[in-house]
């Protein structure tokens, strides 16, 4: 039986570990933090995931996640439109959902190395060597589930790491009067802000901005008050909400460059394979779906008498491209309608005057139920 190591314990890493372990494949998972913890994330999952999550008993029903079926969009100067979401989704915090999946994985027998960052990996004679400050491990397969940007990306000299990215993500949890069934996207100069409900009467507020905005105003608070508040919907939201974090969660250098799902024999999944533009796509659903297709290919490979690594890598890369490549491209094009007065007004006008076109674009950032 081949041994699998998963680097990164987000949605794709955890779900892959659960699927493999249930099939009898030995799995160890390396996570640099300890559960529960927050992640910068829109915390909206498309209903395309429901058949899979419910069949695997991985849908977080006990948290009563709110059902979301409507989108509100505002321009930088406060124009507004509202559109029904044909497929829709649900809201769930990463703090609770990741922790819940971790407990399931641990109960299934996944071997966890928490508070353990992988410093380096190497491949020699069809085996991997994993180096951390605590342990040295060998394994047959590595699944790269280490998110948007990591030390391993740099060590592997992945091409997207050579290009500096100007984007910064900021996230809060708040108490506010926001409809449970609504996800809102509010534009401001060089950025956009999303808000939707998660479990427990809490709303997730997450925005993407250009690093030059932060440099210009010197602090997140000053940037929000002098830039984001130019959109009256954002100003009202900040003025009439209770903020639950002592300070916001942030992430720097978010990259929208294309990535490859297989690099140096490492099988990438979730954001490590390719990140859809946040708040106008569906990265959480893609992470879950990529975990499904990867585990379906890995289980027979790990159990085969004479497994062929080249066949596995080619099959996974082909499946990943067929499912996600076009969707990622469309997400990057849709993002061009956000973050500027003229283009955001065009997006709002599409919603008001050509709702069929707007709904078509939205549908292309969601997948089909699986």
Protein backbone atom coordinates (compact mmCIF):
# COMPACT_ATOMS: atom_id res chain seq x y z
CA UNK A 1 0.00 0.00 0.00
CA UNK A 2 1.37 3.38 -1.01
CA UNK A 3 1.68 6.01 1.73
CA UNK A 4 0.32 9.52 1.12
CA UNK A 5 1.40 12.79 2.75
CA UNK A 6 -0.85 15.84 2.48
CA UNK A 7 0.71 19.25 3.05
CA UNK A 8 -1.97 21.69 4.19
CA UNK A 9 -5.15 21.16 6.18
CA UNK A 10 -7.74 23.31 4.44
CA UNK A 11 -10.88 22.00 2.75
CA UNK A 12 -9.15 20.13 -0.06
CA UNK A 13 -6.47 18.62 2.19
CA UNK A 14 -8.92 17.50 4.87
CA UNK A 15 -11.48 16.03 2.48
CA UNK A 16 -8.79 14.21 0.48
CA UNK A 17 -7.43 12.77 3.72
CA UNK A 18 -10.90 11.56 4.78
CA UNK A 19 -11.63 9.93 1.42
CA UNK A 20 -8.26 8.16 1.30
CA UNK A 21 -8.34 6.94 4.89
CA UNK A 22 -11.87 5.59 4.51
CA UNK A 23 -10.55 3.55 1.59
CA UNK A 24 -7.73 2.13 3.72
CA UNK A 25 -4.90 4.29 2.35
CA UNK A 26 -2.40 5.43 5.05
CA UNK A 27 -2.38 9.24 5.26
CA UNK A 28 -0.41 11.76 7.24
CA UNK A 29 -1.31 15.44 7.08
CA UNK A 30 0.99 18.38 7.86
CA UNK A 31 -0.62 21.65 8.98
CA UNK A 32 1.40 24.63 10.18
CA UNK A 33 -1.37 25.80 12.55
CA UNK A 34 -3.61 24.16 15.13
CA UNK A 35 -7.41 23.93 14.78
CA UNK A 36 -9.62 25.89 15.06
CA UNK A 37 -8.36 29.01 13.30
CA UNK A 38 -9.66 31.64 10.88
CA UNK A 39 -8.74 31.92 7.20
CA UNK A 40 -9.19 34.87 4.85
CA UNK A 41 -12.05 33.51 2.78
CA UNK A 42 -15.46 34.50 1.40
CA UNK A 43 -17.04 31.55 3.30
CA UNK A 44 -19.69 30.87 0.65
CA UNK A 45 -20.00 27.37 -0.86
CA UNK A 46 -21.98 26.72 -4.02
CA UNK A 47 -24.78 24.16 -3.85
CA UNK A 48 -22.98 22.22 -6.58
CA UNK A 49 -21.22 20.49 -3.67
CA UNK A 50 -24.37 19.27 -1.90
CA UNK A 51 -24.72 15.81 -3.53
CA UNK A 52 -21.11 14.93 -2.71
CA UNK A 53 -21.04 16.42 0.79
CA UNK A 54 -24.30 14.79 1.83
CA UNK A 55 -23.41 11.39 0.39
CA UNK A 56 -20.09 11.48 2.29
CA UNK A 57 -21.72 12.85 5.47
CA UNK A 58 -19.51 15.94 5.20
CA UNK A 59 -22.26 18.56 4.97
CA UNK A 60 -22.19 20.68 8.19
CA UNK A 61 -25.90 20.28 8.91
CA UNK A 62 -25.53 20.63 12.68
CA UNK A 63 -24.30 24.22 12.21
CA UNK A 64 -27.53 25.17 10.37
CA UNK A 65 -25.67 27.07 7.62
CA UNK A 66 -27.85 29.77 6.02
CA UNK A 67 -29.08 29.17 2.48
CA UNK A 68 -28.07 31.92 0.03
CA UNK A 69 -30.05 32.43 -3.19
CA UNK A 70 -29.71 36.12 -4.08
CA UNK A 71 -26.84 38.44 -5.11
CA UNK A 72 -26.68 42.19 -4.51
CA UNK A 73 -24.13 44.25 -6.44
CA UNK A 74 -23.25 47.91 -5.93
CA UNK A 75 -20.93 50.20 -7.89
CA UNK A 76 -18.23 52.42 -6.41
CA UNK A 77 -20.65 55.38 -6.36
CA UNK A 78 -23.54 53.47 -4.83
CA UNK A 79 -25.66 52.27 -7.73
CA UNK A 80 -27.33 48.94 -7.01
CA UNK A 81 -28.76 45.82 -8.62
CA UNK A 82 -30.07 42.53 -7.28
CA UNK A 83 -30.14 39.14 -9.04
CA UNK A 84 -31.48 35.70 -8.17
CA UNK A 85 -28.87 32.94 -7.93
CA UNK A 86 -30.27 29.94 -9.79
CA UNK A 87 -27.98 27.42 -8.08
CA UNK A 88 -27.23 29.32 -4.88
CA UNK A 89 -25.13 28.18 -1.98
CA UNK A 90 -24.69 28.20 1.77
CA UNK A 91 -22.56 30.11 4.27
CA UNK A 92 -20.22 28.43 6.75
CA UNK A 93 -17.16 29.78 8.58
CA UNK A 94 -13.80 28.16 7.96
CA UNK A 95 -13.16 28.38 11.70
CA UNK A 96 -15.93 25.86 12.42
CA UNK A 97 -16.06 23.88 9.19
CA UNK A 98 -12.34 23.12 8.98
CA UNK A 99 -12.27 22.17 12.67
CA UNK A 100 -15.29 19.88 12.20
CA UNK A 101 -13.64 18.17 9.21
CA UNK A 102 -10.41 17.82 11.20
CA UNK A 103 -12.27 15.96 13.95
CA UNK A 104 -13.82 13.63 11.36
CA UNK A 105 -10.44 13.01 9.72
CA UNK A 106 -8.75 12.31 13.05
CA UNK A 107 -11.56 9.91 13.96
CA UNK A 108 -11.08 8.09 10.65
CA UNK A 109 -7.39 7.55 11.46
CA UNK A 110 -5.55 10.33 9.62
CA UNK A 111 -2.15 10.93 11.25
CA UNK A 112 -1.83 14.68 11.90
CA UNK A 113 1.31 16.77 12.35
CA UNK A 114 -0.11 20.05 13.68
CA UNK A 115 1.90 23.23 14.29
CA UNK A 116 4.34 21.74 11.80
CA UNK A 117 5.44 23.64 8.71
CA UNK A 118 7.06 21.69 5.90
CA UNK A 119 10.35 23.38 5.03
CA UNK A 120 11.32 21.33 1.98
CA UNK A 121 10.39 18.33 -0.14
CA UNK A 122 12.49 16.27 -2.54
CA UNK A 123 11.81 13.43 -4.97
CA UNK A 124 14.34 10.64 -5.59
CA UNK A 125 13.98 7.07 -6.84
CA UNK A 126 10.20 7.29 -6.92
CA UNK A 127 9.96 8.39 -3.26
CA UNK A 128 9.45 11.72 -1.53
CA UNK A 129 11.41 13.10 1.41
CA UNK A 130 9.63 15.64 3.64
CA UNK A 131 11.64 17.91 5.93
CA UNK A 132 10.25 19.86 8.89
CA UNK A 133 11.80 21.33 12.02
CA UNK A 134 10.38 18.38 13.98
CA UNK A 135 10.46 15.31 11.75
CA UNK A 136 11.84 13.80 8.55
CA UNK A 137 9.41 11.58 6.70
CA UNK A 138 9.30 9.48 3.55
CA UNK A 139 6.20 8.78 1.48
CA UNK A 140 5.13 7.61 -1.96
CA UNK A 141 2.73 10.43 -2.87
CA UNK A 142 2.53 14.09 -1.88
CA UNK A 143 -0.68 16.08 -2.18
CA UNK A 144 -0.02 19.83 -2.22
CA UNK A 145 -2.93 21.48 -0.39
CA UNK A 146 -0.94 24.39 1.01
CA UNK A 147 -3.19 27.19 -0.17
CA UNK A 148 -2.60 30.37 -2.11
CA UNK A 149 1.08 30.94 -1.41
CA UNK A 150 3.57 28.98 0.69
CA UNK A 151 7.19 28.27 1.45
CA UNK A 152 6.93 25.08 -0.63
CA UNK A 153 5.82 27.09 -3.68
CA UNK A 154 9.01 29.11 -3.36
CA UNK A 155 11.18 26.04 -2.78
CA UNK A 156 9.70 24.40 -5.90
CA UNK A 157 10.35 27.57 -7.96
CA UNK A 158 6.75 27.64 -9.18
CA UNK A 159 6.38 30.21 -11.93
CA UNK A 160 3.64 32.31 -10.28
CA UNK A 161 5.96 33.01 -7.33
CA UNK A 162 8.31 34.94 -9.62
CA UNK A 163 5.67 37.63 -10.19
CA UNK A 164 4.84 40.04 -7.40
CA UNK A 165 1.11 40.39 -6.78
CA UNK A 166 -0.38 43.71 -5.63
CA UNK A 167 -3.51 42.30 -3.96
CA UNK A 168 -4.31 42.16 -0.23
CA UNK A 169 -7.25 40.34 1.38
CA UNK A 170 -8.91 41.53 4.61
CA UNK A 171 -11.58 39.65 6.59
CA UNK A 172 -13.84 40.36 9.59
CA UNK A 173 -16.69 38.57 11.33
CA UNK A 174 -19.46 40.95 12.33
CA UNK A 175 -22.93 41.14 13.82
CA UNK A 176 -25.20 43.12 11.53
CA UNK A 177 -28.67 43.17 9.98
CA UNK A 178 -27.96 41.44 6.70
CA UNK A 179 -30.53 39.10 5.11
CA UNK A 180 -29.62 35.44 5.50
CA UNK A 181 -30.32 34.60 1.87
CA UNK A 182 -28.25 37.44 0.38
CA UNK A 183 -24.61 37.73 -0.66
CA UNK A 184 -23.55 41.32 -1.41
CA UNK A 185 -20.59 42.56 -3.46
CA UNK A 186 -19.79 46.25 -2.94
CA UNK A 187 -17.26 47.94 -5.23
CA UNK A 188 -14.74 50.59 -4.24
CA UNK A 189 -11.70 52.00 -6.07
CA UNK A 190 -9.27 49.15 -6.86
CA UNK A 191 -11.24 46.63 -4.84
CA UNK A 192 -14.50 45.04 -3.79
CA UNK A 193 -16.09 43.94 -0.52
CA UNK A 194 -18.30 40.90 0.01
CA UNK A 195 -20.67 40.16 2.86
CA UNK A 196 -22.87 37.15 3.58
CA UNK A 197 -24.15 35.29 6.60
CA UNK A 198 -22.47 32.24 8.07
CA UNK A 199 -23.67 30.13 10.99
CA UNK A 200 -24.74 31.47 14.38
CA UNK A 201 -26.09 34.83 13.27
CA UNK A 202 -22.61 36.01 12.23
CA UNK A 203 -21.78 37.66 8.91
CA UNK A 204 -18.50 37.31 7.07
CA UNK A 205 -17.13 40.59 5.65
CA UNK A 206 -14.18 40.08 3.33
CA UNK A 207 -12.61 42.45 0.83
CA UNK A 208 -9.85 42.52 -1.74
CA UNK A 209 -7.84 45.68 -2.33
CA UNK A 210 -4.73 46.89 -4.09
CA UNK A 211 -1.63 47.22 -1.90
CA UNK A 212 -1.13 50.77 -3.20
CA UNK A 213 -4.33 51.75 -1.39
CA UNK A 214 -2.88 50.58 1.89
CA UNK A 215 0.40 52.38 1.25
CA UNK A 216 -1.43 55.59 0.39
CA UNK A 217 -3.45 55.74 3.63
CA UNK A 218 -0.95 54.08 5.98
CA UNK A 219 -3.32 51.73 7.82
CA UNK A 220 -6.30 49.48 7.19
CA UNK A 221 -8.58 51.69 9.29
CA UNK A 222 -7.58 54.89 7.46
CA UNK A 223 -7.95 53.16 4.10
CA UNK A 224 -11.43 51.95 4.99
CA UNK A 225 -12.60 55.36 6.20
CA UNK A 226 -11.13 57.34 3.29
CA UNK A 227 -11.62 54.92 0.42
CA UNK A 228 -14.11 52.13 1.08
CA UNK A 229 -16.59 54.52 2.69
CA UNK A 230 -16.98 56.37 -0.62
CA UNK A 231 -19.43 53.58 -1.41
CA UNK A 232 -22.41 54.49 0.85
CA UNK A 233 -23.37 50.82 1.25
CA UNK A 234 -19.95 49.97 2.70
CA UNK A 235 -20.00 53.04 4.96
CA UNK A 236 -23.41 52.08 6.32
CA UNK A 237 -22.27 48.50 6.84
CA UNK A 238 -19.21 49.51 8.86
CA UNK A 239 -21.17 52.12 10.83
CA UNK A 240 -24.02 49.82 11.83
CA UNK A 241 -22.22 46.58 12.70
CA UNK A 242 -20.48 45.08 15.70
CA UNK A 243 -17.01 43.81 14.78
CA UNK A 244 -16.07 40.56 16.54
CA UNK A 245 -12.31 40.38 15.84
CA UNK A 246 -9.78 42.42 17.80
CA UNK A 247 -8.01 42.96 14.47
CA UNK A 248 -8.78 41.79 10.93
CA UNK A 249 -7.42 38.63 9.35
CA UNK A 250 -5.20 39.58 6.39
CA UNK A 251 -3.30 37.91 3.56
CA UNK A 252 -0.77 39.56 1.23
CA UNK A 253 0.28 38.96 -2.37
CA UNK A 254 -2.82 37.06 -3.50
CA UNK A 255 -1.93 35.80 -6.97
CA UNK A 256 -4.34 35.25 -9.86
CA UNK A 257 -1.62 33.82 -12.12
CA UNK A 258 -2.27 30.41 -13.66
CA UNK A 259 -0.84 27.40 -11.87
CA UNK A 260 -0.31 23.77 -12.84
CA UNK A 261 -2.16 20.96 -11.03
CA UNK A 262 0.94 18.75 -11.10
CA UNK A 263 4.41 20.14 -10.33
CA UNK A 264 7.52 17.96 -9.87
CA UNK A 265 5.25 14.94 -9.21
CA UNK A 266 3.35 16.78 -6.46
CA UNK A 267 -0.43 16.62 -6.99
CA UNK A 268 -1.84 20.07 -6.28
CA UNK A 269 -5.37 20.61 -5.04
CA UNK A 270 -7.50 23.58 -3.96
CA UNK A 271 -5.84 26.99 -4.14
CA UNK A 272 -2.43 25.36 -4.68
CA UNK A 273 -3.67 24.13 -8.08
CA UNK A 274 -5.37 27.34 -9.16
CA UNK A 275 -7.21 30.10 -7.32
CA UNK A 276 -10.39 31.56 -8.71
CA UNK A 277 -10.79 35.30 -8.24
CA UNK A 278 -12.30 35.74 -4.77
CA UNK A 279 -15.84 36.98 -4.18
CA UNK A 280 -16.89 36.57 -7.82
CA UNK A 281 -16.26 32.88 -8.10
CA UNK A 282 -16.34 29.81 -5.93
CA UNK A 283 -13.00 28.71 -4.57
CA UNK A 284 -14.39 26.64 -1.69
CA UNK A 285 -16.52 24.52 -4.02
CA UNK A 286 -13.55 24.05 -6.35
CA UNK A 287 -11.40 22.90 -3.43
CA UNK A 288 -14.02 20.31 -2.47
CA UNK A 289 -14.46 19.11 -6.06
CA UNK A 290 -10.72 18.85 -6.68
CA UNK A 291 -10.41 16.75 -3.50
CA UNK A 292 -13.07 14.40 -4.84
CA UNK A 293 -11.47 13.85 -8.26
CA UNK A 294 -7.97 13.52 -6.81
CA UNK A 295 -8.98 10.95 -4.18
CA UNK A 296 -10.90 8.94 -6.79
CA UNK A 297 -7.69 8.63 -8.82
CA UNK A 298 -5.37 8.11 -5.86
CA UNK A 299 -7.23 5.24 -4.20
CA UNK A 300 -6.74 2.71 -7.03
CA UNK A 301 -3.20 3.98 -7.61
CA UNK A 302 -2.21 3.38 -3.99
CA UNK A 303 -3.71 -0.11 -4.01
CA UNK A 304 -2.34 -1.24 -7.39
CA UNK A 305 0.38 -3.91 -7.60
CA UNK A 306 2.27 -1.93 -10.24
CA UNK A 307 1.05 1.66 -10.08
CA UNK A 308 2.07 3.98 -12.92
CA UNK A 309 2.82 7.47 -11.62
CA UNK A 310 2.89 9.02 -15.08
CA UNK A 311 -0.60 7.71 -15.86
CA UNK A 312 -1.89 9.07 -12.51
CA UNK A 313 -0.40 12.52 -13.08
CA UNK A 314 -1.68 12.76 -16.64
CA UNK A 315 -5.19 11.66 -15.64
CA UNK A 316 -5.39 14.14 -12.78
CA UNK A 317 -4.04 17.07 -14.83
CA UNK A 318 -6.52 16.30 -17.61
CA UNK A 319 -9.48 16.02 -15.21
CA UNK A 320 -8.52 19.22 -13.42
CA UNK A 321 -8.17 21.19 -16.65
CA UNK A 322 -11.49 19.91 -18.02
CA UNK A 323 -13.35 20.88 -14.84
CA UNK A 324 -11.71 24.13 -13.79
CA UNK A 325 -9.52 25.82 -16.41
CA UNK A 326 -12.34 27.58 -18.28
CA UNK A 327 -14.02 28.51 -15.01
CA UNK A 328 -10.85 30.15 -13.71
CA UNK A 329 -10.47 32.11 -16.95
CA UNK A 330 -14.07 33.36 -16.78
CA UNK A 331 -13.57 34.35 -13.14
CA UNK A 332 -10.59 36.48 -14.10
CA UNK A 333 -12.62 38.18 -16.84
CA UNK A 334 -15.57 38.83 -14.52
CA UNK A 335 -13.20 40.41 -12.01
CA UNK A 336 -12.40 43.11 -14.57
CA UNK A 337 -15.91 44.47 -13.97
CA UNK A 338 -15.01 45.20 -10.35
CA UNK A 339 -12.98 47.89 -8.62
CA UNK A 340 -13.51 50.94 -10.85
CA UNK A 341 -16.37 53.41 -11.24
CA UNK A 342 -17.03 52.91 -14.94
CA UNK A 343 -16.77 49.11 -15.02
CA UNK A 344 -18.70 48.61 -11.79
CA UNK A 345 -21.49 50.79 -13.19
CA UNK A 346 -21.47 48.59 -16.29
CA UNK A 347 -21.82 45.51 -14.07
CA UNK A 348 -24.76 47.08 -12.22
CA UNK A 349 -26.34 48.13 -15.52
CA UNK A 350 -26.06 44.54 -16.76
CA UNK A 351 -27.93 43.36 -13.69
CA UNK A 352 -30.66 45.97 -14.11
CA UNK A 353 -31.03 46.02 -17.89
CA UNK A 354 -29.74 42.64 -19.06
CA UNK A 355 -30.36 40.22 -16.19
CA UNK A 356 -30.16 37.20 -18.49
CA UNK A 357 -26.58 38.13 -19.43
CA UNK A 358 -25.66 38.81 -15.80
CA UNK A 359 -27.09 35.48 -14.65
CA UNK A 360 -25.21 33.69 -17.44
CA UNK A 361 -21.89 35.17 -16.27
CA UNK A 362 -22.65 34.22 -12.67
CA UNK A 363 -23.54 30.68 -13.70
CA UNK A 364 -20.15 30.30 -15.38
CA UNK A 365 -18.34 30.93 -12.06
CA UNK A 366 -20.34 28.07 -10.51
CA UNK A 367 -20.04 24.43 -11.53
CA UNK A 368 -22.57 21.68 -12.04
CA UNK A 369 -23.70 19.56 -9.08
CA UNK A 370 -21.38 16.63 -8.49
